[in-house]
Amino acid sequence: MFNHQLPLRNGVRPVIIFFSFLLCLVLLVTPQVRGVATEDDGITQGKELFFQGRQTYYSAEAPLAQVVEVLTAAKKVLGQAKNYEGYYWLGQTEYLLGEVAETMGNQPEAARAFTESGKWAKQALEVNKNSSDALRLLADTYMRLMNYRGSLYMVSHGPQALKLLKKALALEKNNYTALNSLAMYYINAPAIGGGDIDQGIKALEKALHSTEEFDNFISYVWLGTAWQKKGDPEKAKAYFRQALTIYPANSWAKGLLEGCE
């Protein structure tokens, strides 16, 4: 350590100042080069806005237009980050915007948002090819776009989605969001495409080990859907009611419960 009480000889002070400048420059640049998020990247703020928008959307706490405003702000902030986290959370945000657009009846905007989400998921995977979350997100976009791209897309991308989800879980067996997504695939896909309601139920029961209420909500909704498809409306209603203990005003869960009664 330098003793700042000692006098500096001629020429030493400029050298120290120069190297101090270089050190500051390295500290500022290095995190971005390594792909590590910094305060200026806006990751923390962007994620907070994303979670705020998701909470507002699923709990029906505000008009959908307000949800779109919050998520649009999240996109703007996250767009500053040119790293894995920025790409992944941009993908998450676009995906949620797709869900909101569907609820608003704007199918073209939903298709656009799910497509953009997939692009960001691929960008994240270019940075980290073994990201369980990015693999799951890409699979989710494939499944959602099946509603917009027709049967040929479904035939080609259905198996890809299943493969991505299995890889995501091989990398992280306790990725509860991926377990929920895998269950959705099993419940919705035809048998010839790997569909299996019982396998879906098993995946959802594992996913319920998550400590995140949002994960649990999705698990309950899809467990209800699975049991409804299996012809057991009482079990289905029980799970839909469980979902509504998390988001009591959620129109999706309420509509599914009403459909069983």
C-alpha atoms as a PDB file:
ATOM      1  CA  MET A   1       0.000   0.000   0.000  1.00  0.00           C
ATOM      2  CA  PHE A   2       1.231   3.488  -0.785  1.00  0.00           C
ATOM      3  CA  ASN A   3       1.974   5.742   2.147  1.00  0.00           C
ATOM      4  CA  HIS A   4       0.388   8.988   1.006  1.00  0.00           C
ATOM      5  CA  GLN A   5       2.305  10.935   3.641  1.00  0.00           C
ATOM      6  CA  LEU A   6       5.572  10.401   1.765  1.00  0.00           C
ATOM      7  CA  PRO A   7       6.687  13.101  -0.738  1.00  0.00           C
ATOM      8  CA  LEU A   8       6.593  12.088  -4.403  1.00  0.00           C
ATOM      9  CA  ARG A   9       9.626  12.553  -6.603  1.00  0.00           C
ATOM     10  CA  ASN A  10       9.355  14.462  -9.918  1.00  0.00           C
ATOM     11  CA  GLY A  11       7.813  12.274 -12.607  1.00  0.00           C
ATOM     12  CA  VAL A  12       6.305   9.760 -10.182  1.00  0.00           C
ATOM     13  CA  ARG A  13       3.001  11.557  -9.698  1.00  0.00           C
ATOM     14  CA  PRO A  14       2.151  11.600 -13.475  1.00  0.00           C
ATOM     15  CA  VAL A  15       2.932   7.876 -13.674  1.00  0.00           C
ATOM     16  CA  ILE A  16       0.635   7.091 -10.750  1.00  0.00           C
ATOM     17  CA  ILE A  17      -2.137   9.234 -12.210  1.00  0.00           C
ATOM     18  CA  PHE A  18      -1.770   7.491 -15.575  1.00  0.00           C
ATOM     19  CA  PHE A  19      -1.968   4.001 -14.074  1.00  0.00           C
ATOM     20  CA  SER A  20      -4.865   5.035 -11.834  1.00  0.00           C
ATOM     21  CA  PHE A  21      -6.714   6.122 -14.954  1.00  0.00           C
ATOM     22  CA  LEU A  22      -5.999   2.767 -16.620  1.00  0.00           C
ATOM     23  CA  LEU A  23      -7.241   0.901 -13.532  1.00  0.00           C
ATOM     24  CA  CYS A  24     -10.505   2.847 -13.516  1.00  0.00           C
ATOM     25  CA  LEU A  25     -10.964   2.145 -17.219  1.00  0.00           C
ATOM     26  CA  VAL A  26     -10.421  -1.583 -16.701  1.00  0.00           C
ATOM     27  CA  LEU A  27     -12.909  -1.677 -13.808  1.00  0.00           C
ATOM     28  CA  LEU A  28     -15.519   0.054 -15.932  1.00  0.00           C
ATOM     29  CA  VAL A  29     -15.066  -2.073 -19.047  1.00  0.00           C
ATOM     30  CA  THR A  30     -14.232  -5.534 -17.737  1.00  0.00           C
ATOM     31  CA  PRO A  31     -17.724  -6.525 -16.447  1.00  0.00           C
ATOM     32  CA  GLN A  32     -19.265  -5.782 -19.828  1.00  0.00           C
ATOM     33  CA  VAL A  33     -16.572  -7.706 -21.688  1.00  0.00           C
ATOM     34  CA  ARG A  34     -17.180 -10.731 -19.515  1.00  0.00           C
ATOM     35  CA  GLY A  35     -20.938 -10.512 -19.991  1.00  0.00           C
ATOM     36  CA  VAL A  36     -21.567  -9.708 -16.329  1.00  0.00           C
ATOM     37  CA  ALA A  37     -24.474  -7.409 -15.574  1.00  0.00           C
ATOM     38  CA  THR A  38     -23.679  -4.015 -14.065  1.00  0.00           C
ATOM     39  CA  GLU A  39     -25.976  -1.355 -12.655  1.00  0.00           C
ATOM     40  CA  ASP A  40     -25.822   0.504 -15.976  1.00  0.00           C
ATOM     41  CA  ASP A  41     -27.014  -2.608 -17.821  1.00  0.00           C
ATOM     42  CA  GLY A  42     -30.441  -2.112 -16.229  1.00  0.00           C
ATOM     43  CA  ILE A  43     -30.908  -5.822 -15.511  1.00  0.00           C
ATOM     44  CA  THR A  44     -32.170  -5.332 -11.962  1.00  0.00           C
ATOM     45  CA  GLN A  45     -34.587  -2.567 -12.922  1.00  0.00           C
ATOM     46  CA  GLY A  46     -35.749  -4.452 -16.010  1.00  0.00           C
ATOM     47  CA  LYS A  47     -36.441  -7.617 -14.032  1.00  0.00           C
ATOM     48  CA  GLU A  48     -38.335  -5.652 -11.392  1.00  0.00           C
ATOM     49  CA  LEU A  49     -40.533  -4.135 -14.097  1.00  0.00           C
ATOM     50  CA  PHE A  50     -41.070  -7.571 -15.655  1.00  0.00           C
ATOM     51  CA  PHE A  51     -42.175  -9.096 -12.347  1.00  0.00           C
ATOM     52  CA  GLN A  52     -44.361  -6.087 -11.647  1.00  0.00           C
ATOM     53  CA  GLY A  53     -46.047  -6.531 -15.016  1.00  0.00           C
ATOM     54  CA  ARG A  54     -46.488 -10.270 -14.517  1.00  0.00           C
ATOM     55  CA  GLN A  55     -47.986  -9.805 -11.057  1.00  0.00           C
ATOM     56  CA  THR A  56     -50.368  -7.142 -12.343  1.00  0.00           C
ATOM     57  CA  TYR A  57     -51.420  -9.272 -15.310  1.00  0.00           C
ATOM     58  CA  TYR A  58     -52.061 -12.530 -13.476  1.00  0.00           C
ATOM     59  CA  SER A  59     -53.693 -10.916 -10.460  1.00  0.00           C
ATOM     60  CA  ALA A  60     -55.825  -8.617 -12.662  1.00  0.00           C
ATOM     61  CA  GLU A  61     -54.861  -5.643 -10.490  1.00  0.00           C
ATOM     62  CA  ALA A  62     -54.946  -3.094 -13.317  1.00  0.00           C
ATOM     63  CA  PRO A  63     -56.115  -2.654 -16.925  1.00  0.00           C
ATOM     64  CA  LEU A  64     -54.178  -4.591 -19.553  1.00  0.00           C
ATOM     65  CA  ALA A  65     -53.026  -1.352 -21.173  1.00  0.00           C
ATOM     66  CA  GLN A  66     -51.171  -0.551 -17.959  1.00  0.00           C
ATOM     67  CA  VAL A  67     -49.511  -3.971 -18.005  1.00  0.00           C
ATOM     68  CA  VAL A  68     -48.313  -3.279 -21.556  1.00  0.00           C
ATOM     69  CA  GLU A  69     -46.869   0.074 -20.447  1.00  0.00           C
ATOM     70  CA  VAL A  70     -44.885  -1.548 -17.633  1.00  0.00           C
ATOM     71  CA  LEU A  71     -43.562  -4.328 -19.871  1.00  0.00           C
ATOM     72  CA  THR A  72     -42.669  -1.868 -22.625  1.00  0.00           C
ATOM     73  CA  ALA A  73     -40.649   0.074 -20.043  1.00  0.00           C
ATOM     74  CA  ALA A  74     -38.953  -3.193 -19.043  1.00  0.00           C
ATOM     75  CA  LYS A  75     -37.991  -3.820 -22.685  1.00  0.00           C
ATOM     76  CA  LYS A  76     -36.465  -0.372 -22.985  1.00  0.00           C
ATOM     77  CA  VAL A  77     -34.337  -0.847 -19.885  1.00  0.00           C
ATOM     78  CA  LEU A  78     -33.290  -4.416 -20.673  1.00  0.00           C
ATOM     79  CA  GLY A  79     -32.329  -3.416 -24.193  1.00  0.00           C
ATOM     80  CA  GLN A  80     -29.309  -1.624 -22.714  1.00  0.00           C
ATOM     81  CA  ALA A  81     -27.753  -4.947 -21.695  1.00  0.00           C
ATOM     82  CA  LYS A  82     -25.818  -6.793 -24.369  1.00  0.00           C
ATOM     83  CA  ASN A  83     -25.286  -9.999 -22.403  1.00  0.00           C
ATOM     84  CA  TYR A  84     -26.985 -13.273 -21.525  1.00  0.00           C
ATOM     85  CA  GLU A  85     -29.230 -11.867 -18.811  1.00  0.00           C
ATOM     86  CA  GLY A  86     -30.359  -8.989 -20.970  1.00  0.00           C
ATOM     87  CA  TYR A  87     -31.269 -11.311 -23.859  1.00  0.00           C
ATOM     88  CA  TYR A  88     -33.011 -13.846 -21.628  1.00  0.00           C
ATOM     89  CA  TRP A  89     -35.126 -11.299 -19.763  1.00  0.00           C
ATOM     90  CA  LEU A  90     -36.012  -9.522 -22.994  1.00  0.00           C
ATOM     91  CA  GLY A  91     -37.286 -12.900 -24.187  1.00  0.00           C
ATOM     92  CA  GLN A  92     -39.286 -13.349 -20.996  1.00  0.00           C
ATOM     93  CA  THR A  93     -40.776  -9.884 -21.362  1.00  0.00           C
ATOM     94  CA  GLU A  94     -41.755 -10.390 -25.008  1.00  0.00           C
ATOM     95  CA  TYR A  95     -43.326 -13.741 -24.114  1.00  0.00           C
ATOM     96  CA  LEU A  96     -45.501 -12.126 -21.455  1.00  0.00           C
ATOM     97  CA  LEU A  97     -46.445  -9.373 -23.898  1.00  0.00           C
ATOM     98  CA  GLY A  98     -47.589 -12.138 -26.231  1.00  0.00           C
ATOM     99  CA  GLU A  99     -49.836 -13.552 -23.514  1.00  0.00           C
ATOM    100  CA  VAL A 100     -51.271 -10.110 -22.816  1.00  0.00           C
ATOM    101  CA  ALA A 101     -51.893  -9.528 -26.532  1.00  0.00           C
ATOM    102  CA  GLU A 102     -53.792 -12.818 -26.754  1.00  0.00           C
ATOM    103  CA  THR A 103     -55.958 -11.782 -23.818  1.00  0.00           C
ATOM    104  CA  MET A 104     -56.644  -8.480 -25.569  1.00  0.00           C
ATOM    105  CA  GLY A 105     -57.645 -10.367 -28.731  1.00  0.00           C
ATOM    106  CA  ASN A 106     -54.735  -9.001 -30.762  1.00  0.00           C
ATOM    107  CA  GLN A 107     -53.528 -12.165 -32.467  1.00  0.00           C
ATOM    108  CA  PRO A 108     -51.030 -10.532 -34.870  1.00  0.00           C
ATOM    109  CA  GLU A 109     -49.324  -8.756 -31.973  1.00  0.00           C
ATOM    110  CA  ALA A 110     -49.254 -11.996 -29.972  1.00  0.00           C
ATOM    111  CA  ALA A 111     -47.578 -13.838 -32.846  1.00  0.00           C
ATOM    112  CA  ARG A 112     -45.052 -11.008 -33.212  1.00  0.00           C
ATOM    113  CA  ALA A 113     -44.232 -11.020 -29.509  1.00  0.00           C
ATOM    114  CA  PHE A 114     -43.798 -14.810 -29.312  1.00  0.00           C
ATOM    115  CA  THR A 115     -41.570 -14.675 -32.389  1.00  0.00           C
ATOM    116  CA  GLU A 116     -39.433 -11.953 -30.821  1.00  0.00           C
ATOM    117  CA  SER A 117     -39.265 -13.934 -27.595  1.00  0.00           C
ATOM    118  CA  GLY A 118     -37.876 -16.896 -29.505  1.00  0.00           C
ATOM    119  CA  LYS A 119     -35.258 -14.694 -31.166  1.00  0.00           C
ATOM    120  CA  TRP A 120     -34.058 -13.412 -27.788  1.00  0.00           C
ATOM    121  CA  ALA A 121     -33.986 -16.946 -26.370  1.00  0.00           C
ATOM    122  CA  LYS A 122     -31.742 -18.002 -29.259  1.00  0.00           C
ATOM    123  CA  GLN A 123     -29.537 -14.968 -28.662  1.00  0.00           C
ATOM    124  CA  ALA A 124     -29.205 -15.956 -25.003  1.00  0.00           C
ATOM    125  CA  LEU A 125     -28.285 -19.502 -26.044  1.00  0.00           C
ATOM    126  CA  GLU A 126     -25.544 -18.148 -28.295  1.00  0.00           C
ATOM    127  CA  VAL A 127     -23.968 -16.720 -25.162  1.00  0.00           C
ATOM    128  CA  ASN A 128     -24.733 -19.733 -22.960  1.00  0.00           C
ATOM    129  CA  LYS A 129     -25.733 -22.841 -24.892  1.00  0.00           C
ATOM    130  CA  ASN A 130     -26.322 -24.756 -21.646  1.00  0.00           C
ATOM    131  CA  SER A 131     -28.823 -22.365 -20.145  1.00  0.00           C
ATOM    132  CA  SER A 132     -31.727 -24.468 -18.879  1.00  0.00           C
ATOM    133  CA  ASP A 133     -33.962 -21.390 -18.672  1.00  0.00           C
ATOM    134  CA  ALA A 134     -33.230 -20.193 -22.211  1.00  0.00           C
ATOM    135  CA  LEU A 135     -33.844 -23.687 -23.602  1.00  0.00           C
ATOM    136  CA  ARG A 136     -37.181 -23.777 -21.811  1.00  0.00           C
ATOM    137  CA  LEU A 137     -38.128 -20.319 -23.058  1.00  0.00           C
ATOM    138  CA  LEU A 138     -37.351 -21.246 -26.662  1.00  0.00           C
ATOM    139  CA  ALA A 139     -39.500 -24.375 -26.320  1.00  0.00           C
ATOM    140  CA  ASP A 140     -42.325 -22.260 -24.893  1.00  0.00           C
ATOM    141  CA  THR A 141     -42.227 -19.944 -27.898  1.00  0.00           C
ATOM    142  CA  TYR A 142     -42.375 -22.920 -30.275  1.00  0.00           C
ATOM    143  CA  MET A 143     -45.456 -24.231 -28.476  1.00  0.00           C
ATOM    144  CA  ARG A 144     -47.233 -20.879 -28.510  1.00  0.00           C
ATOM    145  CA  LEU A 145     -46.470 -20.220 -32.161  1.00  0.00           C
ATOM    146  CA  MET A 146     -48.116 -23.506 -33.143  1.00  0.00           C
ATOM    147  CA  ASN A 147     -51.417 -21.620 -32.842  1.00  0.00           C
ATOM    148  CA  TYR A 148     -50.280 -19.173 -35.526  1.00  0.00           C
ATOM    149  CA  ARG A 149     -48.000 -21.008 -37.934  1.00  0.00           C
ATOM    150  CA  GLY A 150     -50.159 -23.933 -39.037  1.00  0.00           C
ATOM    151  CA  SER A 151     -49.837 -27.701 -39.092  1.00  0.00           C
ATOM    152  CA  LEU A 152     -46.457 -27.856 -40.869  1.00  0.00           C
ATOM    153  CA  TYR A 153     -44.908 -25.705 -38.151  1.00  0.00           C
ATOM    154  CA  MET A 154     -46.500 -27.911 -35.523  1.00  0.00           C
ATOM    155  CA  VAL A 155     -45.110 -31.087 -37.080  1.00  0.00           C
ATOM    156  CA  SER A 156     -41.599 -29.657 -37.390  1.00  0.00           C
ATOM    157  CA  HIS A 157     -41.356 -27.694 -34.140  1.00  0.00           C
ATOM    158  CA  GLY A 158     -43.324 -29.943 -31.797  1.00  0.00           C
ATOM    159  CA  PRO A 159     -40.540 -32.543 -31.530  1.00  0.00           C
ATOM    160  CA  GLN A 160     -37.999 -29.721 -31.225  1.00  0.00           C
ATOM    161  CA  ALA A 161     -39.896 -28.226 -28.288  1.00  0.00           C
ATOM    162  CA  LEU A 162     -40.004 -31.587 -26.520  1.00  0.00           C
ATOM    163  CA  LYS A 163     -36.277 -32.109 -27.123  1.00  0.00           C
ATOM    164  CA  LEU A 164     -35.453 -28.644 -25.766  1.00  0.00           C
ATOM    165  CA  LEU A 165     -37.493 -29.217 -22.613  1.00  0.00           C
ATOM    166  CA  LYS A 166     -35.888 -32.575 -21.934  1.00  0.00           C
ATOM    167  CA  LYS A 167     -32.448 -31.017 -22.389  1.00  0.00           C
ATOM    168  CA  ALA A 168     -33.389 -28.152 -20.058  1.00  0.00           C
ATOM    169  CA  LEU A 169     -34.356 -30.645 -17.357  1.00  0.00           C
ATOM    170  CA  ALA A 170     -31.276 -32.778 -17.943  1.00  0.00           C
ATOM    171  CA  LEU A 171     -29.216 -29.666 -17.210  1.00  0.00           C
ATOM    172  CA  GLU A 172     -31.324 -28.640 -14.207  1.00  0.00           C
ATOM    173  CA  LYS A 173     -33.714 -31.284 -12.868  1.00  0.00           C
ATOM    174  CA  ASN A 174     -35.343 -28.846 -10.442  1.00  0.00           C
ATOM    175  CA  ASN A 175     -36.217 -26.271 -13.088  1.00  0.00           C
ATOM    176  CA  TYR A 176     -39.857 -26.101 -12.045  1.00  0.00           C
ATOM    177  CA  THR A 177     -40.833 -23.747 -14.845  1.00  0.00           C
ATOM    178  CA  ALA A 178     -39.457 -26.272 -17.333  1.00  0.00           C
ATOM    179  CA  LEU A 179     -41.418 -29.058 -15.598  1.00  0.00           C
ATOM    180  CA  ASN A 180     -44.589 -27.012 -16.030  1.00  0.00           C
ATOM    181  CA  SER A 181     -43.766 -26.440 -19.693  1.00  0.00           C
ATOM    182  CA  LEU A 182     -43.046 -30.134 -20.250  1.00  0.00           C
ATOM    183  CA  ALA A 183     -46.410 -30.958 -18.684  1.00  0.00           C
ATOM    184  CA  MET A 184     -48.158 -28.501 -21.003  1.00  0.00           C
ATOM    185  CA  TYR A 185     -46.586 -30.276 -23.946  1.00  0.00           C
ATOM    186  CA  TYR A 186     -47.652 -33.721 -22.724  1.00  0.00           C
ATOM    187  CA  ILE A 187     -51.212 -32.555 -22.004  1.00  0.00           C
ATOM    188  CA  ASN A 188     -51.721 -30.705 -25.299  1.00  0.00           C
ATOM    189  CA  ALA A 189     -49.822 -32.859 -27.797  1.00  0.00           C
ATOM    190  CA  PRO A 190     -51.493 -35.772 -29.603  1.00  0.00           C
ATOM    191  CA  ALA A 191     -50.286 -39.240 -28.674  1.00  0.00           C
ATOM    192  CA  ILE A 192     -48.484 -39.561 -32.016  1.00  0.00           C
ATOM    193  CA  GLY A 193     -46.501 -36.427 -31.118  1.00  0.00           C
ATOM    194  CA  GLY A 194     -45.522 -37.665 -27.654  1.00  0.00           C
ATOM    195  CA  GLY A 195     -48.615 -36.504 -25.777  1.00  0.00           C
ATOM    196  CA  ASP A 196     -49.316 -38.302 -22.513  1.00  0.00           C
ATOM    197  CA  ILE A 197     -51.634 -36.808 -19.880  1.00  0.00           C
ATOM    198  CA  ASP A 198     -50.375 -39.100 -17.122  1.00  0.00           C
ATOM    199  CA  GLN A 199     -46.796 -38.024 -17.796  1.00  0.00           C
ATOM    200  CA  GLY A 200     -48.004 -34.457 -17.682  1.00  0.00           C
ATOM    201  CA  ILE A 201     -49.575 -34.972 -14.273  1.00  0.00           C
ATOM    202  CA  LYS A 202     -46.350 -36.507 -12.932  1.00  0.00           C
ATOM    203  CA  ALA A 203     -44.351 -33.515 -14.160  1.00  0.00           C
ATOM    204  CA  LEU A 204     -46.802 -31.088 -12.557  1.00  0.00           C
ATOM    205  CA  GLU A 205     -46.710 -32.897  -9.234  1.00  0.00           C
ATOM    206  CA  LYS A 206     -42.916 -32.531  -9.246  1.00  0.00           C
ATOM    207  CA  ALA A 207     -43.240 -28.879 -10.193  1.00  0.00           C
ATOM    208  CA  LEU A 208     -45.364 -28.241  -7.099  1.00  0.00           C
ATOM    209  CA  HIS A 209     -42.187 -28.543  -5.029  1.00  0.00           C
ATOM    210  CA  SER A 210     -41.385 -25.016  -6.194  1.00  0.00           C
ATOM    211  CA  THR A 211     -41.502 -22.337  -3.503  1.00  0.00           C
ATOM    212  CA  GLU A 212     -42.603 -19.732  -6.084  1.00  0.00           C
ATOM    213  CA  GLU A 213     -46.318 -18.955  -6.032  1.00  0.00           C
ATOM    214  CA  PHE A 214     -46.365 -18.206  -9.735  1.00  0.00           C
ATOM    215  CA  ASP A 215     -44.964 -21.661 -10.553  1.00  0.00           C
ATOM    216  CA  ASN A 216     -47.550 -23.206  -8.237  1.00  0.00           C
ATOM    217  CA  PHE A 217     -50.365 -21.281  -9.923  1.00  0.00           C
ATOM    218  CA  ILE A 218     -49.373 -22.632 -13.343  1.00  0.00           C
ATOM    219  CA  SER A 219     -49.080 -26.168 -11.925  1.00  0.00           C
ATOM    220  CA  TYR A 220     -52.549 -26.022 -10.367  1.00  0.00           C
ATOM    221  CA  VAL A 221     -54.178 -24.691 -13.535  1.00  0.00           C
ATOM    222  CA  TRP A 222     -52.648 -27.426 -15.664  1.00  0.00           C
ATOM    223  CA  LEU A 223     -53.371 -30.153 -13.124  1.00  0.00           C
ATOM    224  CA  GLY A 224     -56.990 -29.052 -13.279  1.00  0.00           C
ATOM    225  CA  THR A 225     -56.870 -29.108 -17.071  1.00  0.00           C
ATOM    226  CA  ALA A 226     -55.308 -32.576 -17.082  1.00  0.00           C
ATOM    227  CA  TRP A 227     -57.924 -34.057 -14.739  1.00  0.00           C
ATOM    228  CA  GLN A 228     -60.704 -32.408 -16.717  1.00  0.00           C
ATOM    229  CA  LYS A 229     -59.369 -34.120 -19.837  1.00  0.00           C
ATOM    230  CA  LYS A 230     -59.252 -37.404 -17.938  1.00  0.00           C
ATOM    231  CA  GLY A 231     -62.942 -37.044 -17.115  1.00  0.00           C
ATOM    232  CA  ASP A 232     -62.689 -36.181 -13.406  1.00  0.00           C
ATOM    233  CA  PRO A 233     -64.332 -32.755 -12.986  1.00  0.00           C
ATOM    234  CA  GLU A 234     -64.218 -32.864  -9.182  1.00  0.00           C
ATOM    235  CA  LYS A 235     -60.440 -33.178  -9.109  1.00  0.00           C
ATOM    236  CA  ALA A 236     -60.221 -30.551 -11.815  1.00  0.00           C
ATOM    237  CA  LYS A 237     -62.313 -28.088  -9.790  1.00  0.00           C
ATOM    238  CA  ALA A 238     -60.197 -28.699  -6.701  1.00  0.00           C
ATOM    239  CA  TYR A 239     -57.037 -27.718  -8.572  1.00  0.00           C
ATOM    240  CA  PHE A 240     -58.640 -24.682 -10.210  1.00  0.00           C
ATOM    241  CA  ARG A 241     -59.731 -23.511  -6.750  1.00  0.00           C
ATOM    242  CA  GLN A 242     -56.169 -23.982  -5.529  1.00  0.00           C
ATOM    243  CA  ALA A 243     -54.970 -21.765  -8.369  1.00  0.00           C
ATOM    244  CA  LEU A 244     -57.478 -19.105  -7.350  1.00  0.00           C
ATOM    245  CA  THR A 245     -56.084 -18.994  -3.814  1.00  0.00           C
ATOM    246  CA  ILE A 246     -52.958 -17.489  -5.414  1.00  0.00           C
ATOM    247  CA  TYR A 247     -54.614 -15.132  -7.906  1.00  0.00           C
ATOM    248  CA  PRO A 248     -58.297 -14.862  -6.841  1.00  0.00           C
ATOM    249  CA  ALA A 249     -59.289 -12.537  -9.696  1.00  0.00           C
ATOM    250  CA  ASN A 250     -57.491 -14.411 -12.474  1.00  0.00           C
ATOM    251  CA  SER A 251     -59.920 -14.737 -15.385  1.00  0.00           C
ATOM    252  CA  TRP A 252     -58.155 -17.790 -16.854  1.00  0.00           C
ATOM    253  CA  ALA A 253     -58.548 -19.904 -13.714  1.00  0.00           C
ATOM    254  CA  LYS A 254     -62.037 -18.564 -13.053  1.00  0.00           C
ATOM    255  CA  GLY A 255     -63.156 -19.412 -16.572  1.00  0.00           C
ATOM    256  CA  LEU A 256     -61.774 -22.948 -16.305  1.00  0.00           C
ATOM    257  CA  LEU A 257     -63.527 -23.477 -12.959  1.00  0.00           C
ATOM    258  CA  GLU A 258     -66.826 -22.190 -14.333  1.00  0.00           C
ATOM    259  CA  GLY A 259     -66.429 -24.575 -17.277  1.00  0.00           C
ATOM    260  CA  CYS A 260     -66.409 -27.505 -14.853  1.00  0.00           C
ATOM    261  CA  GLU A 261     -69.502 -26.413 -12.917  1.00  0.00           C
END
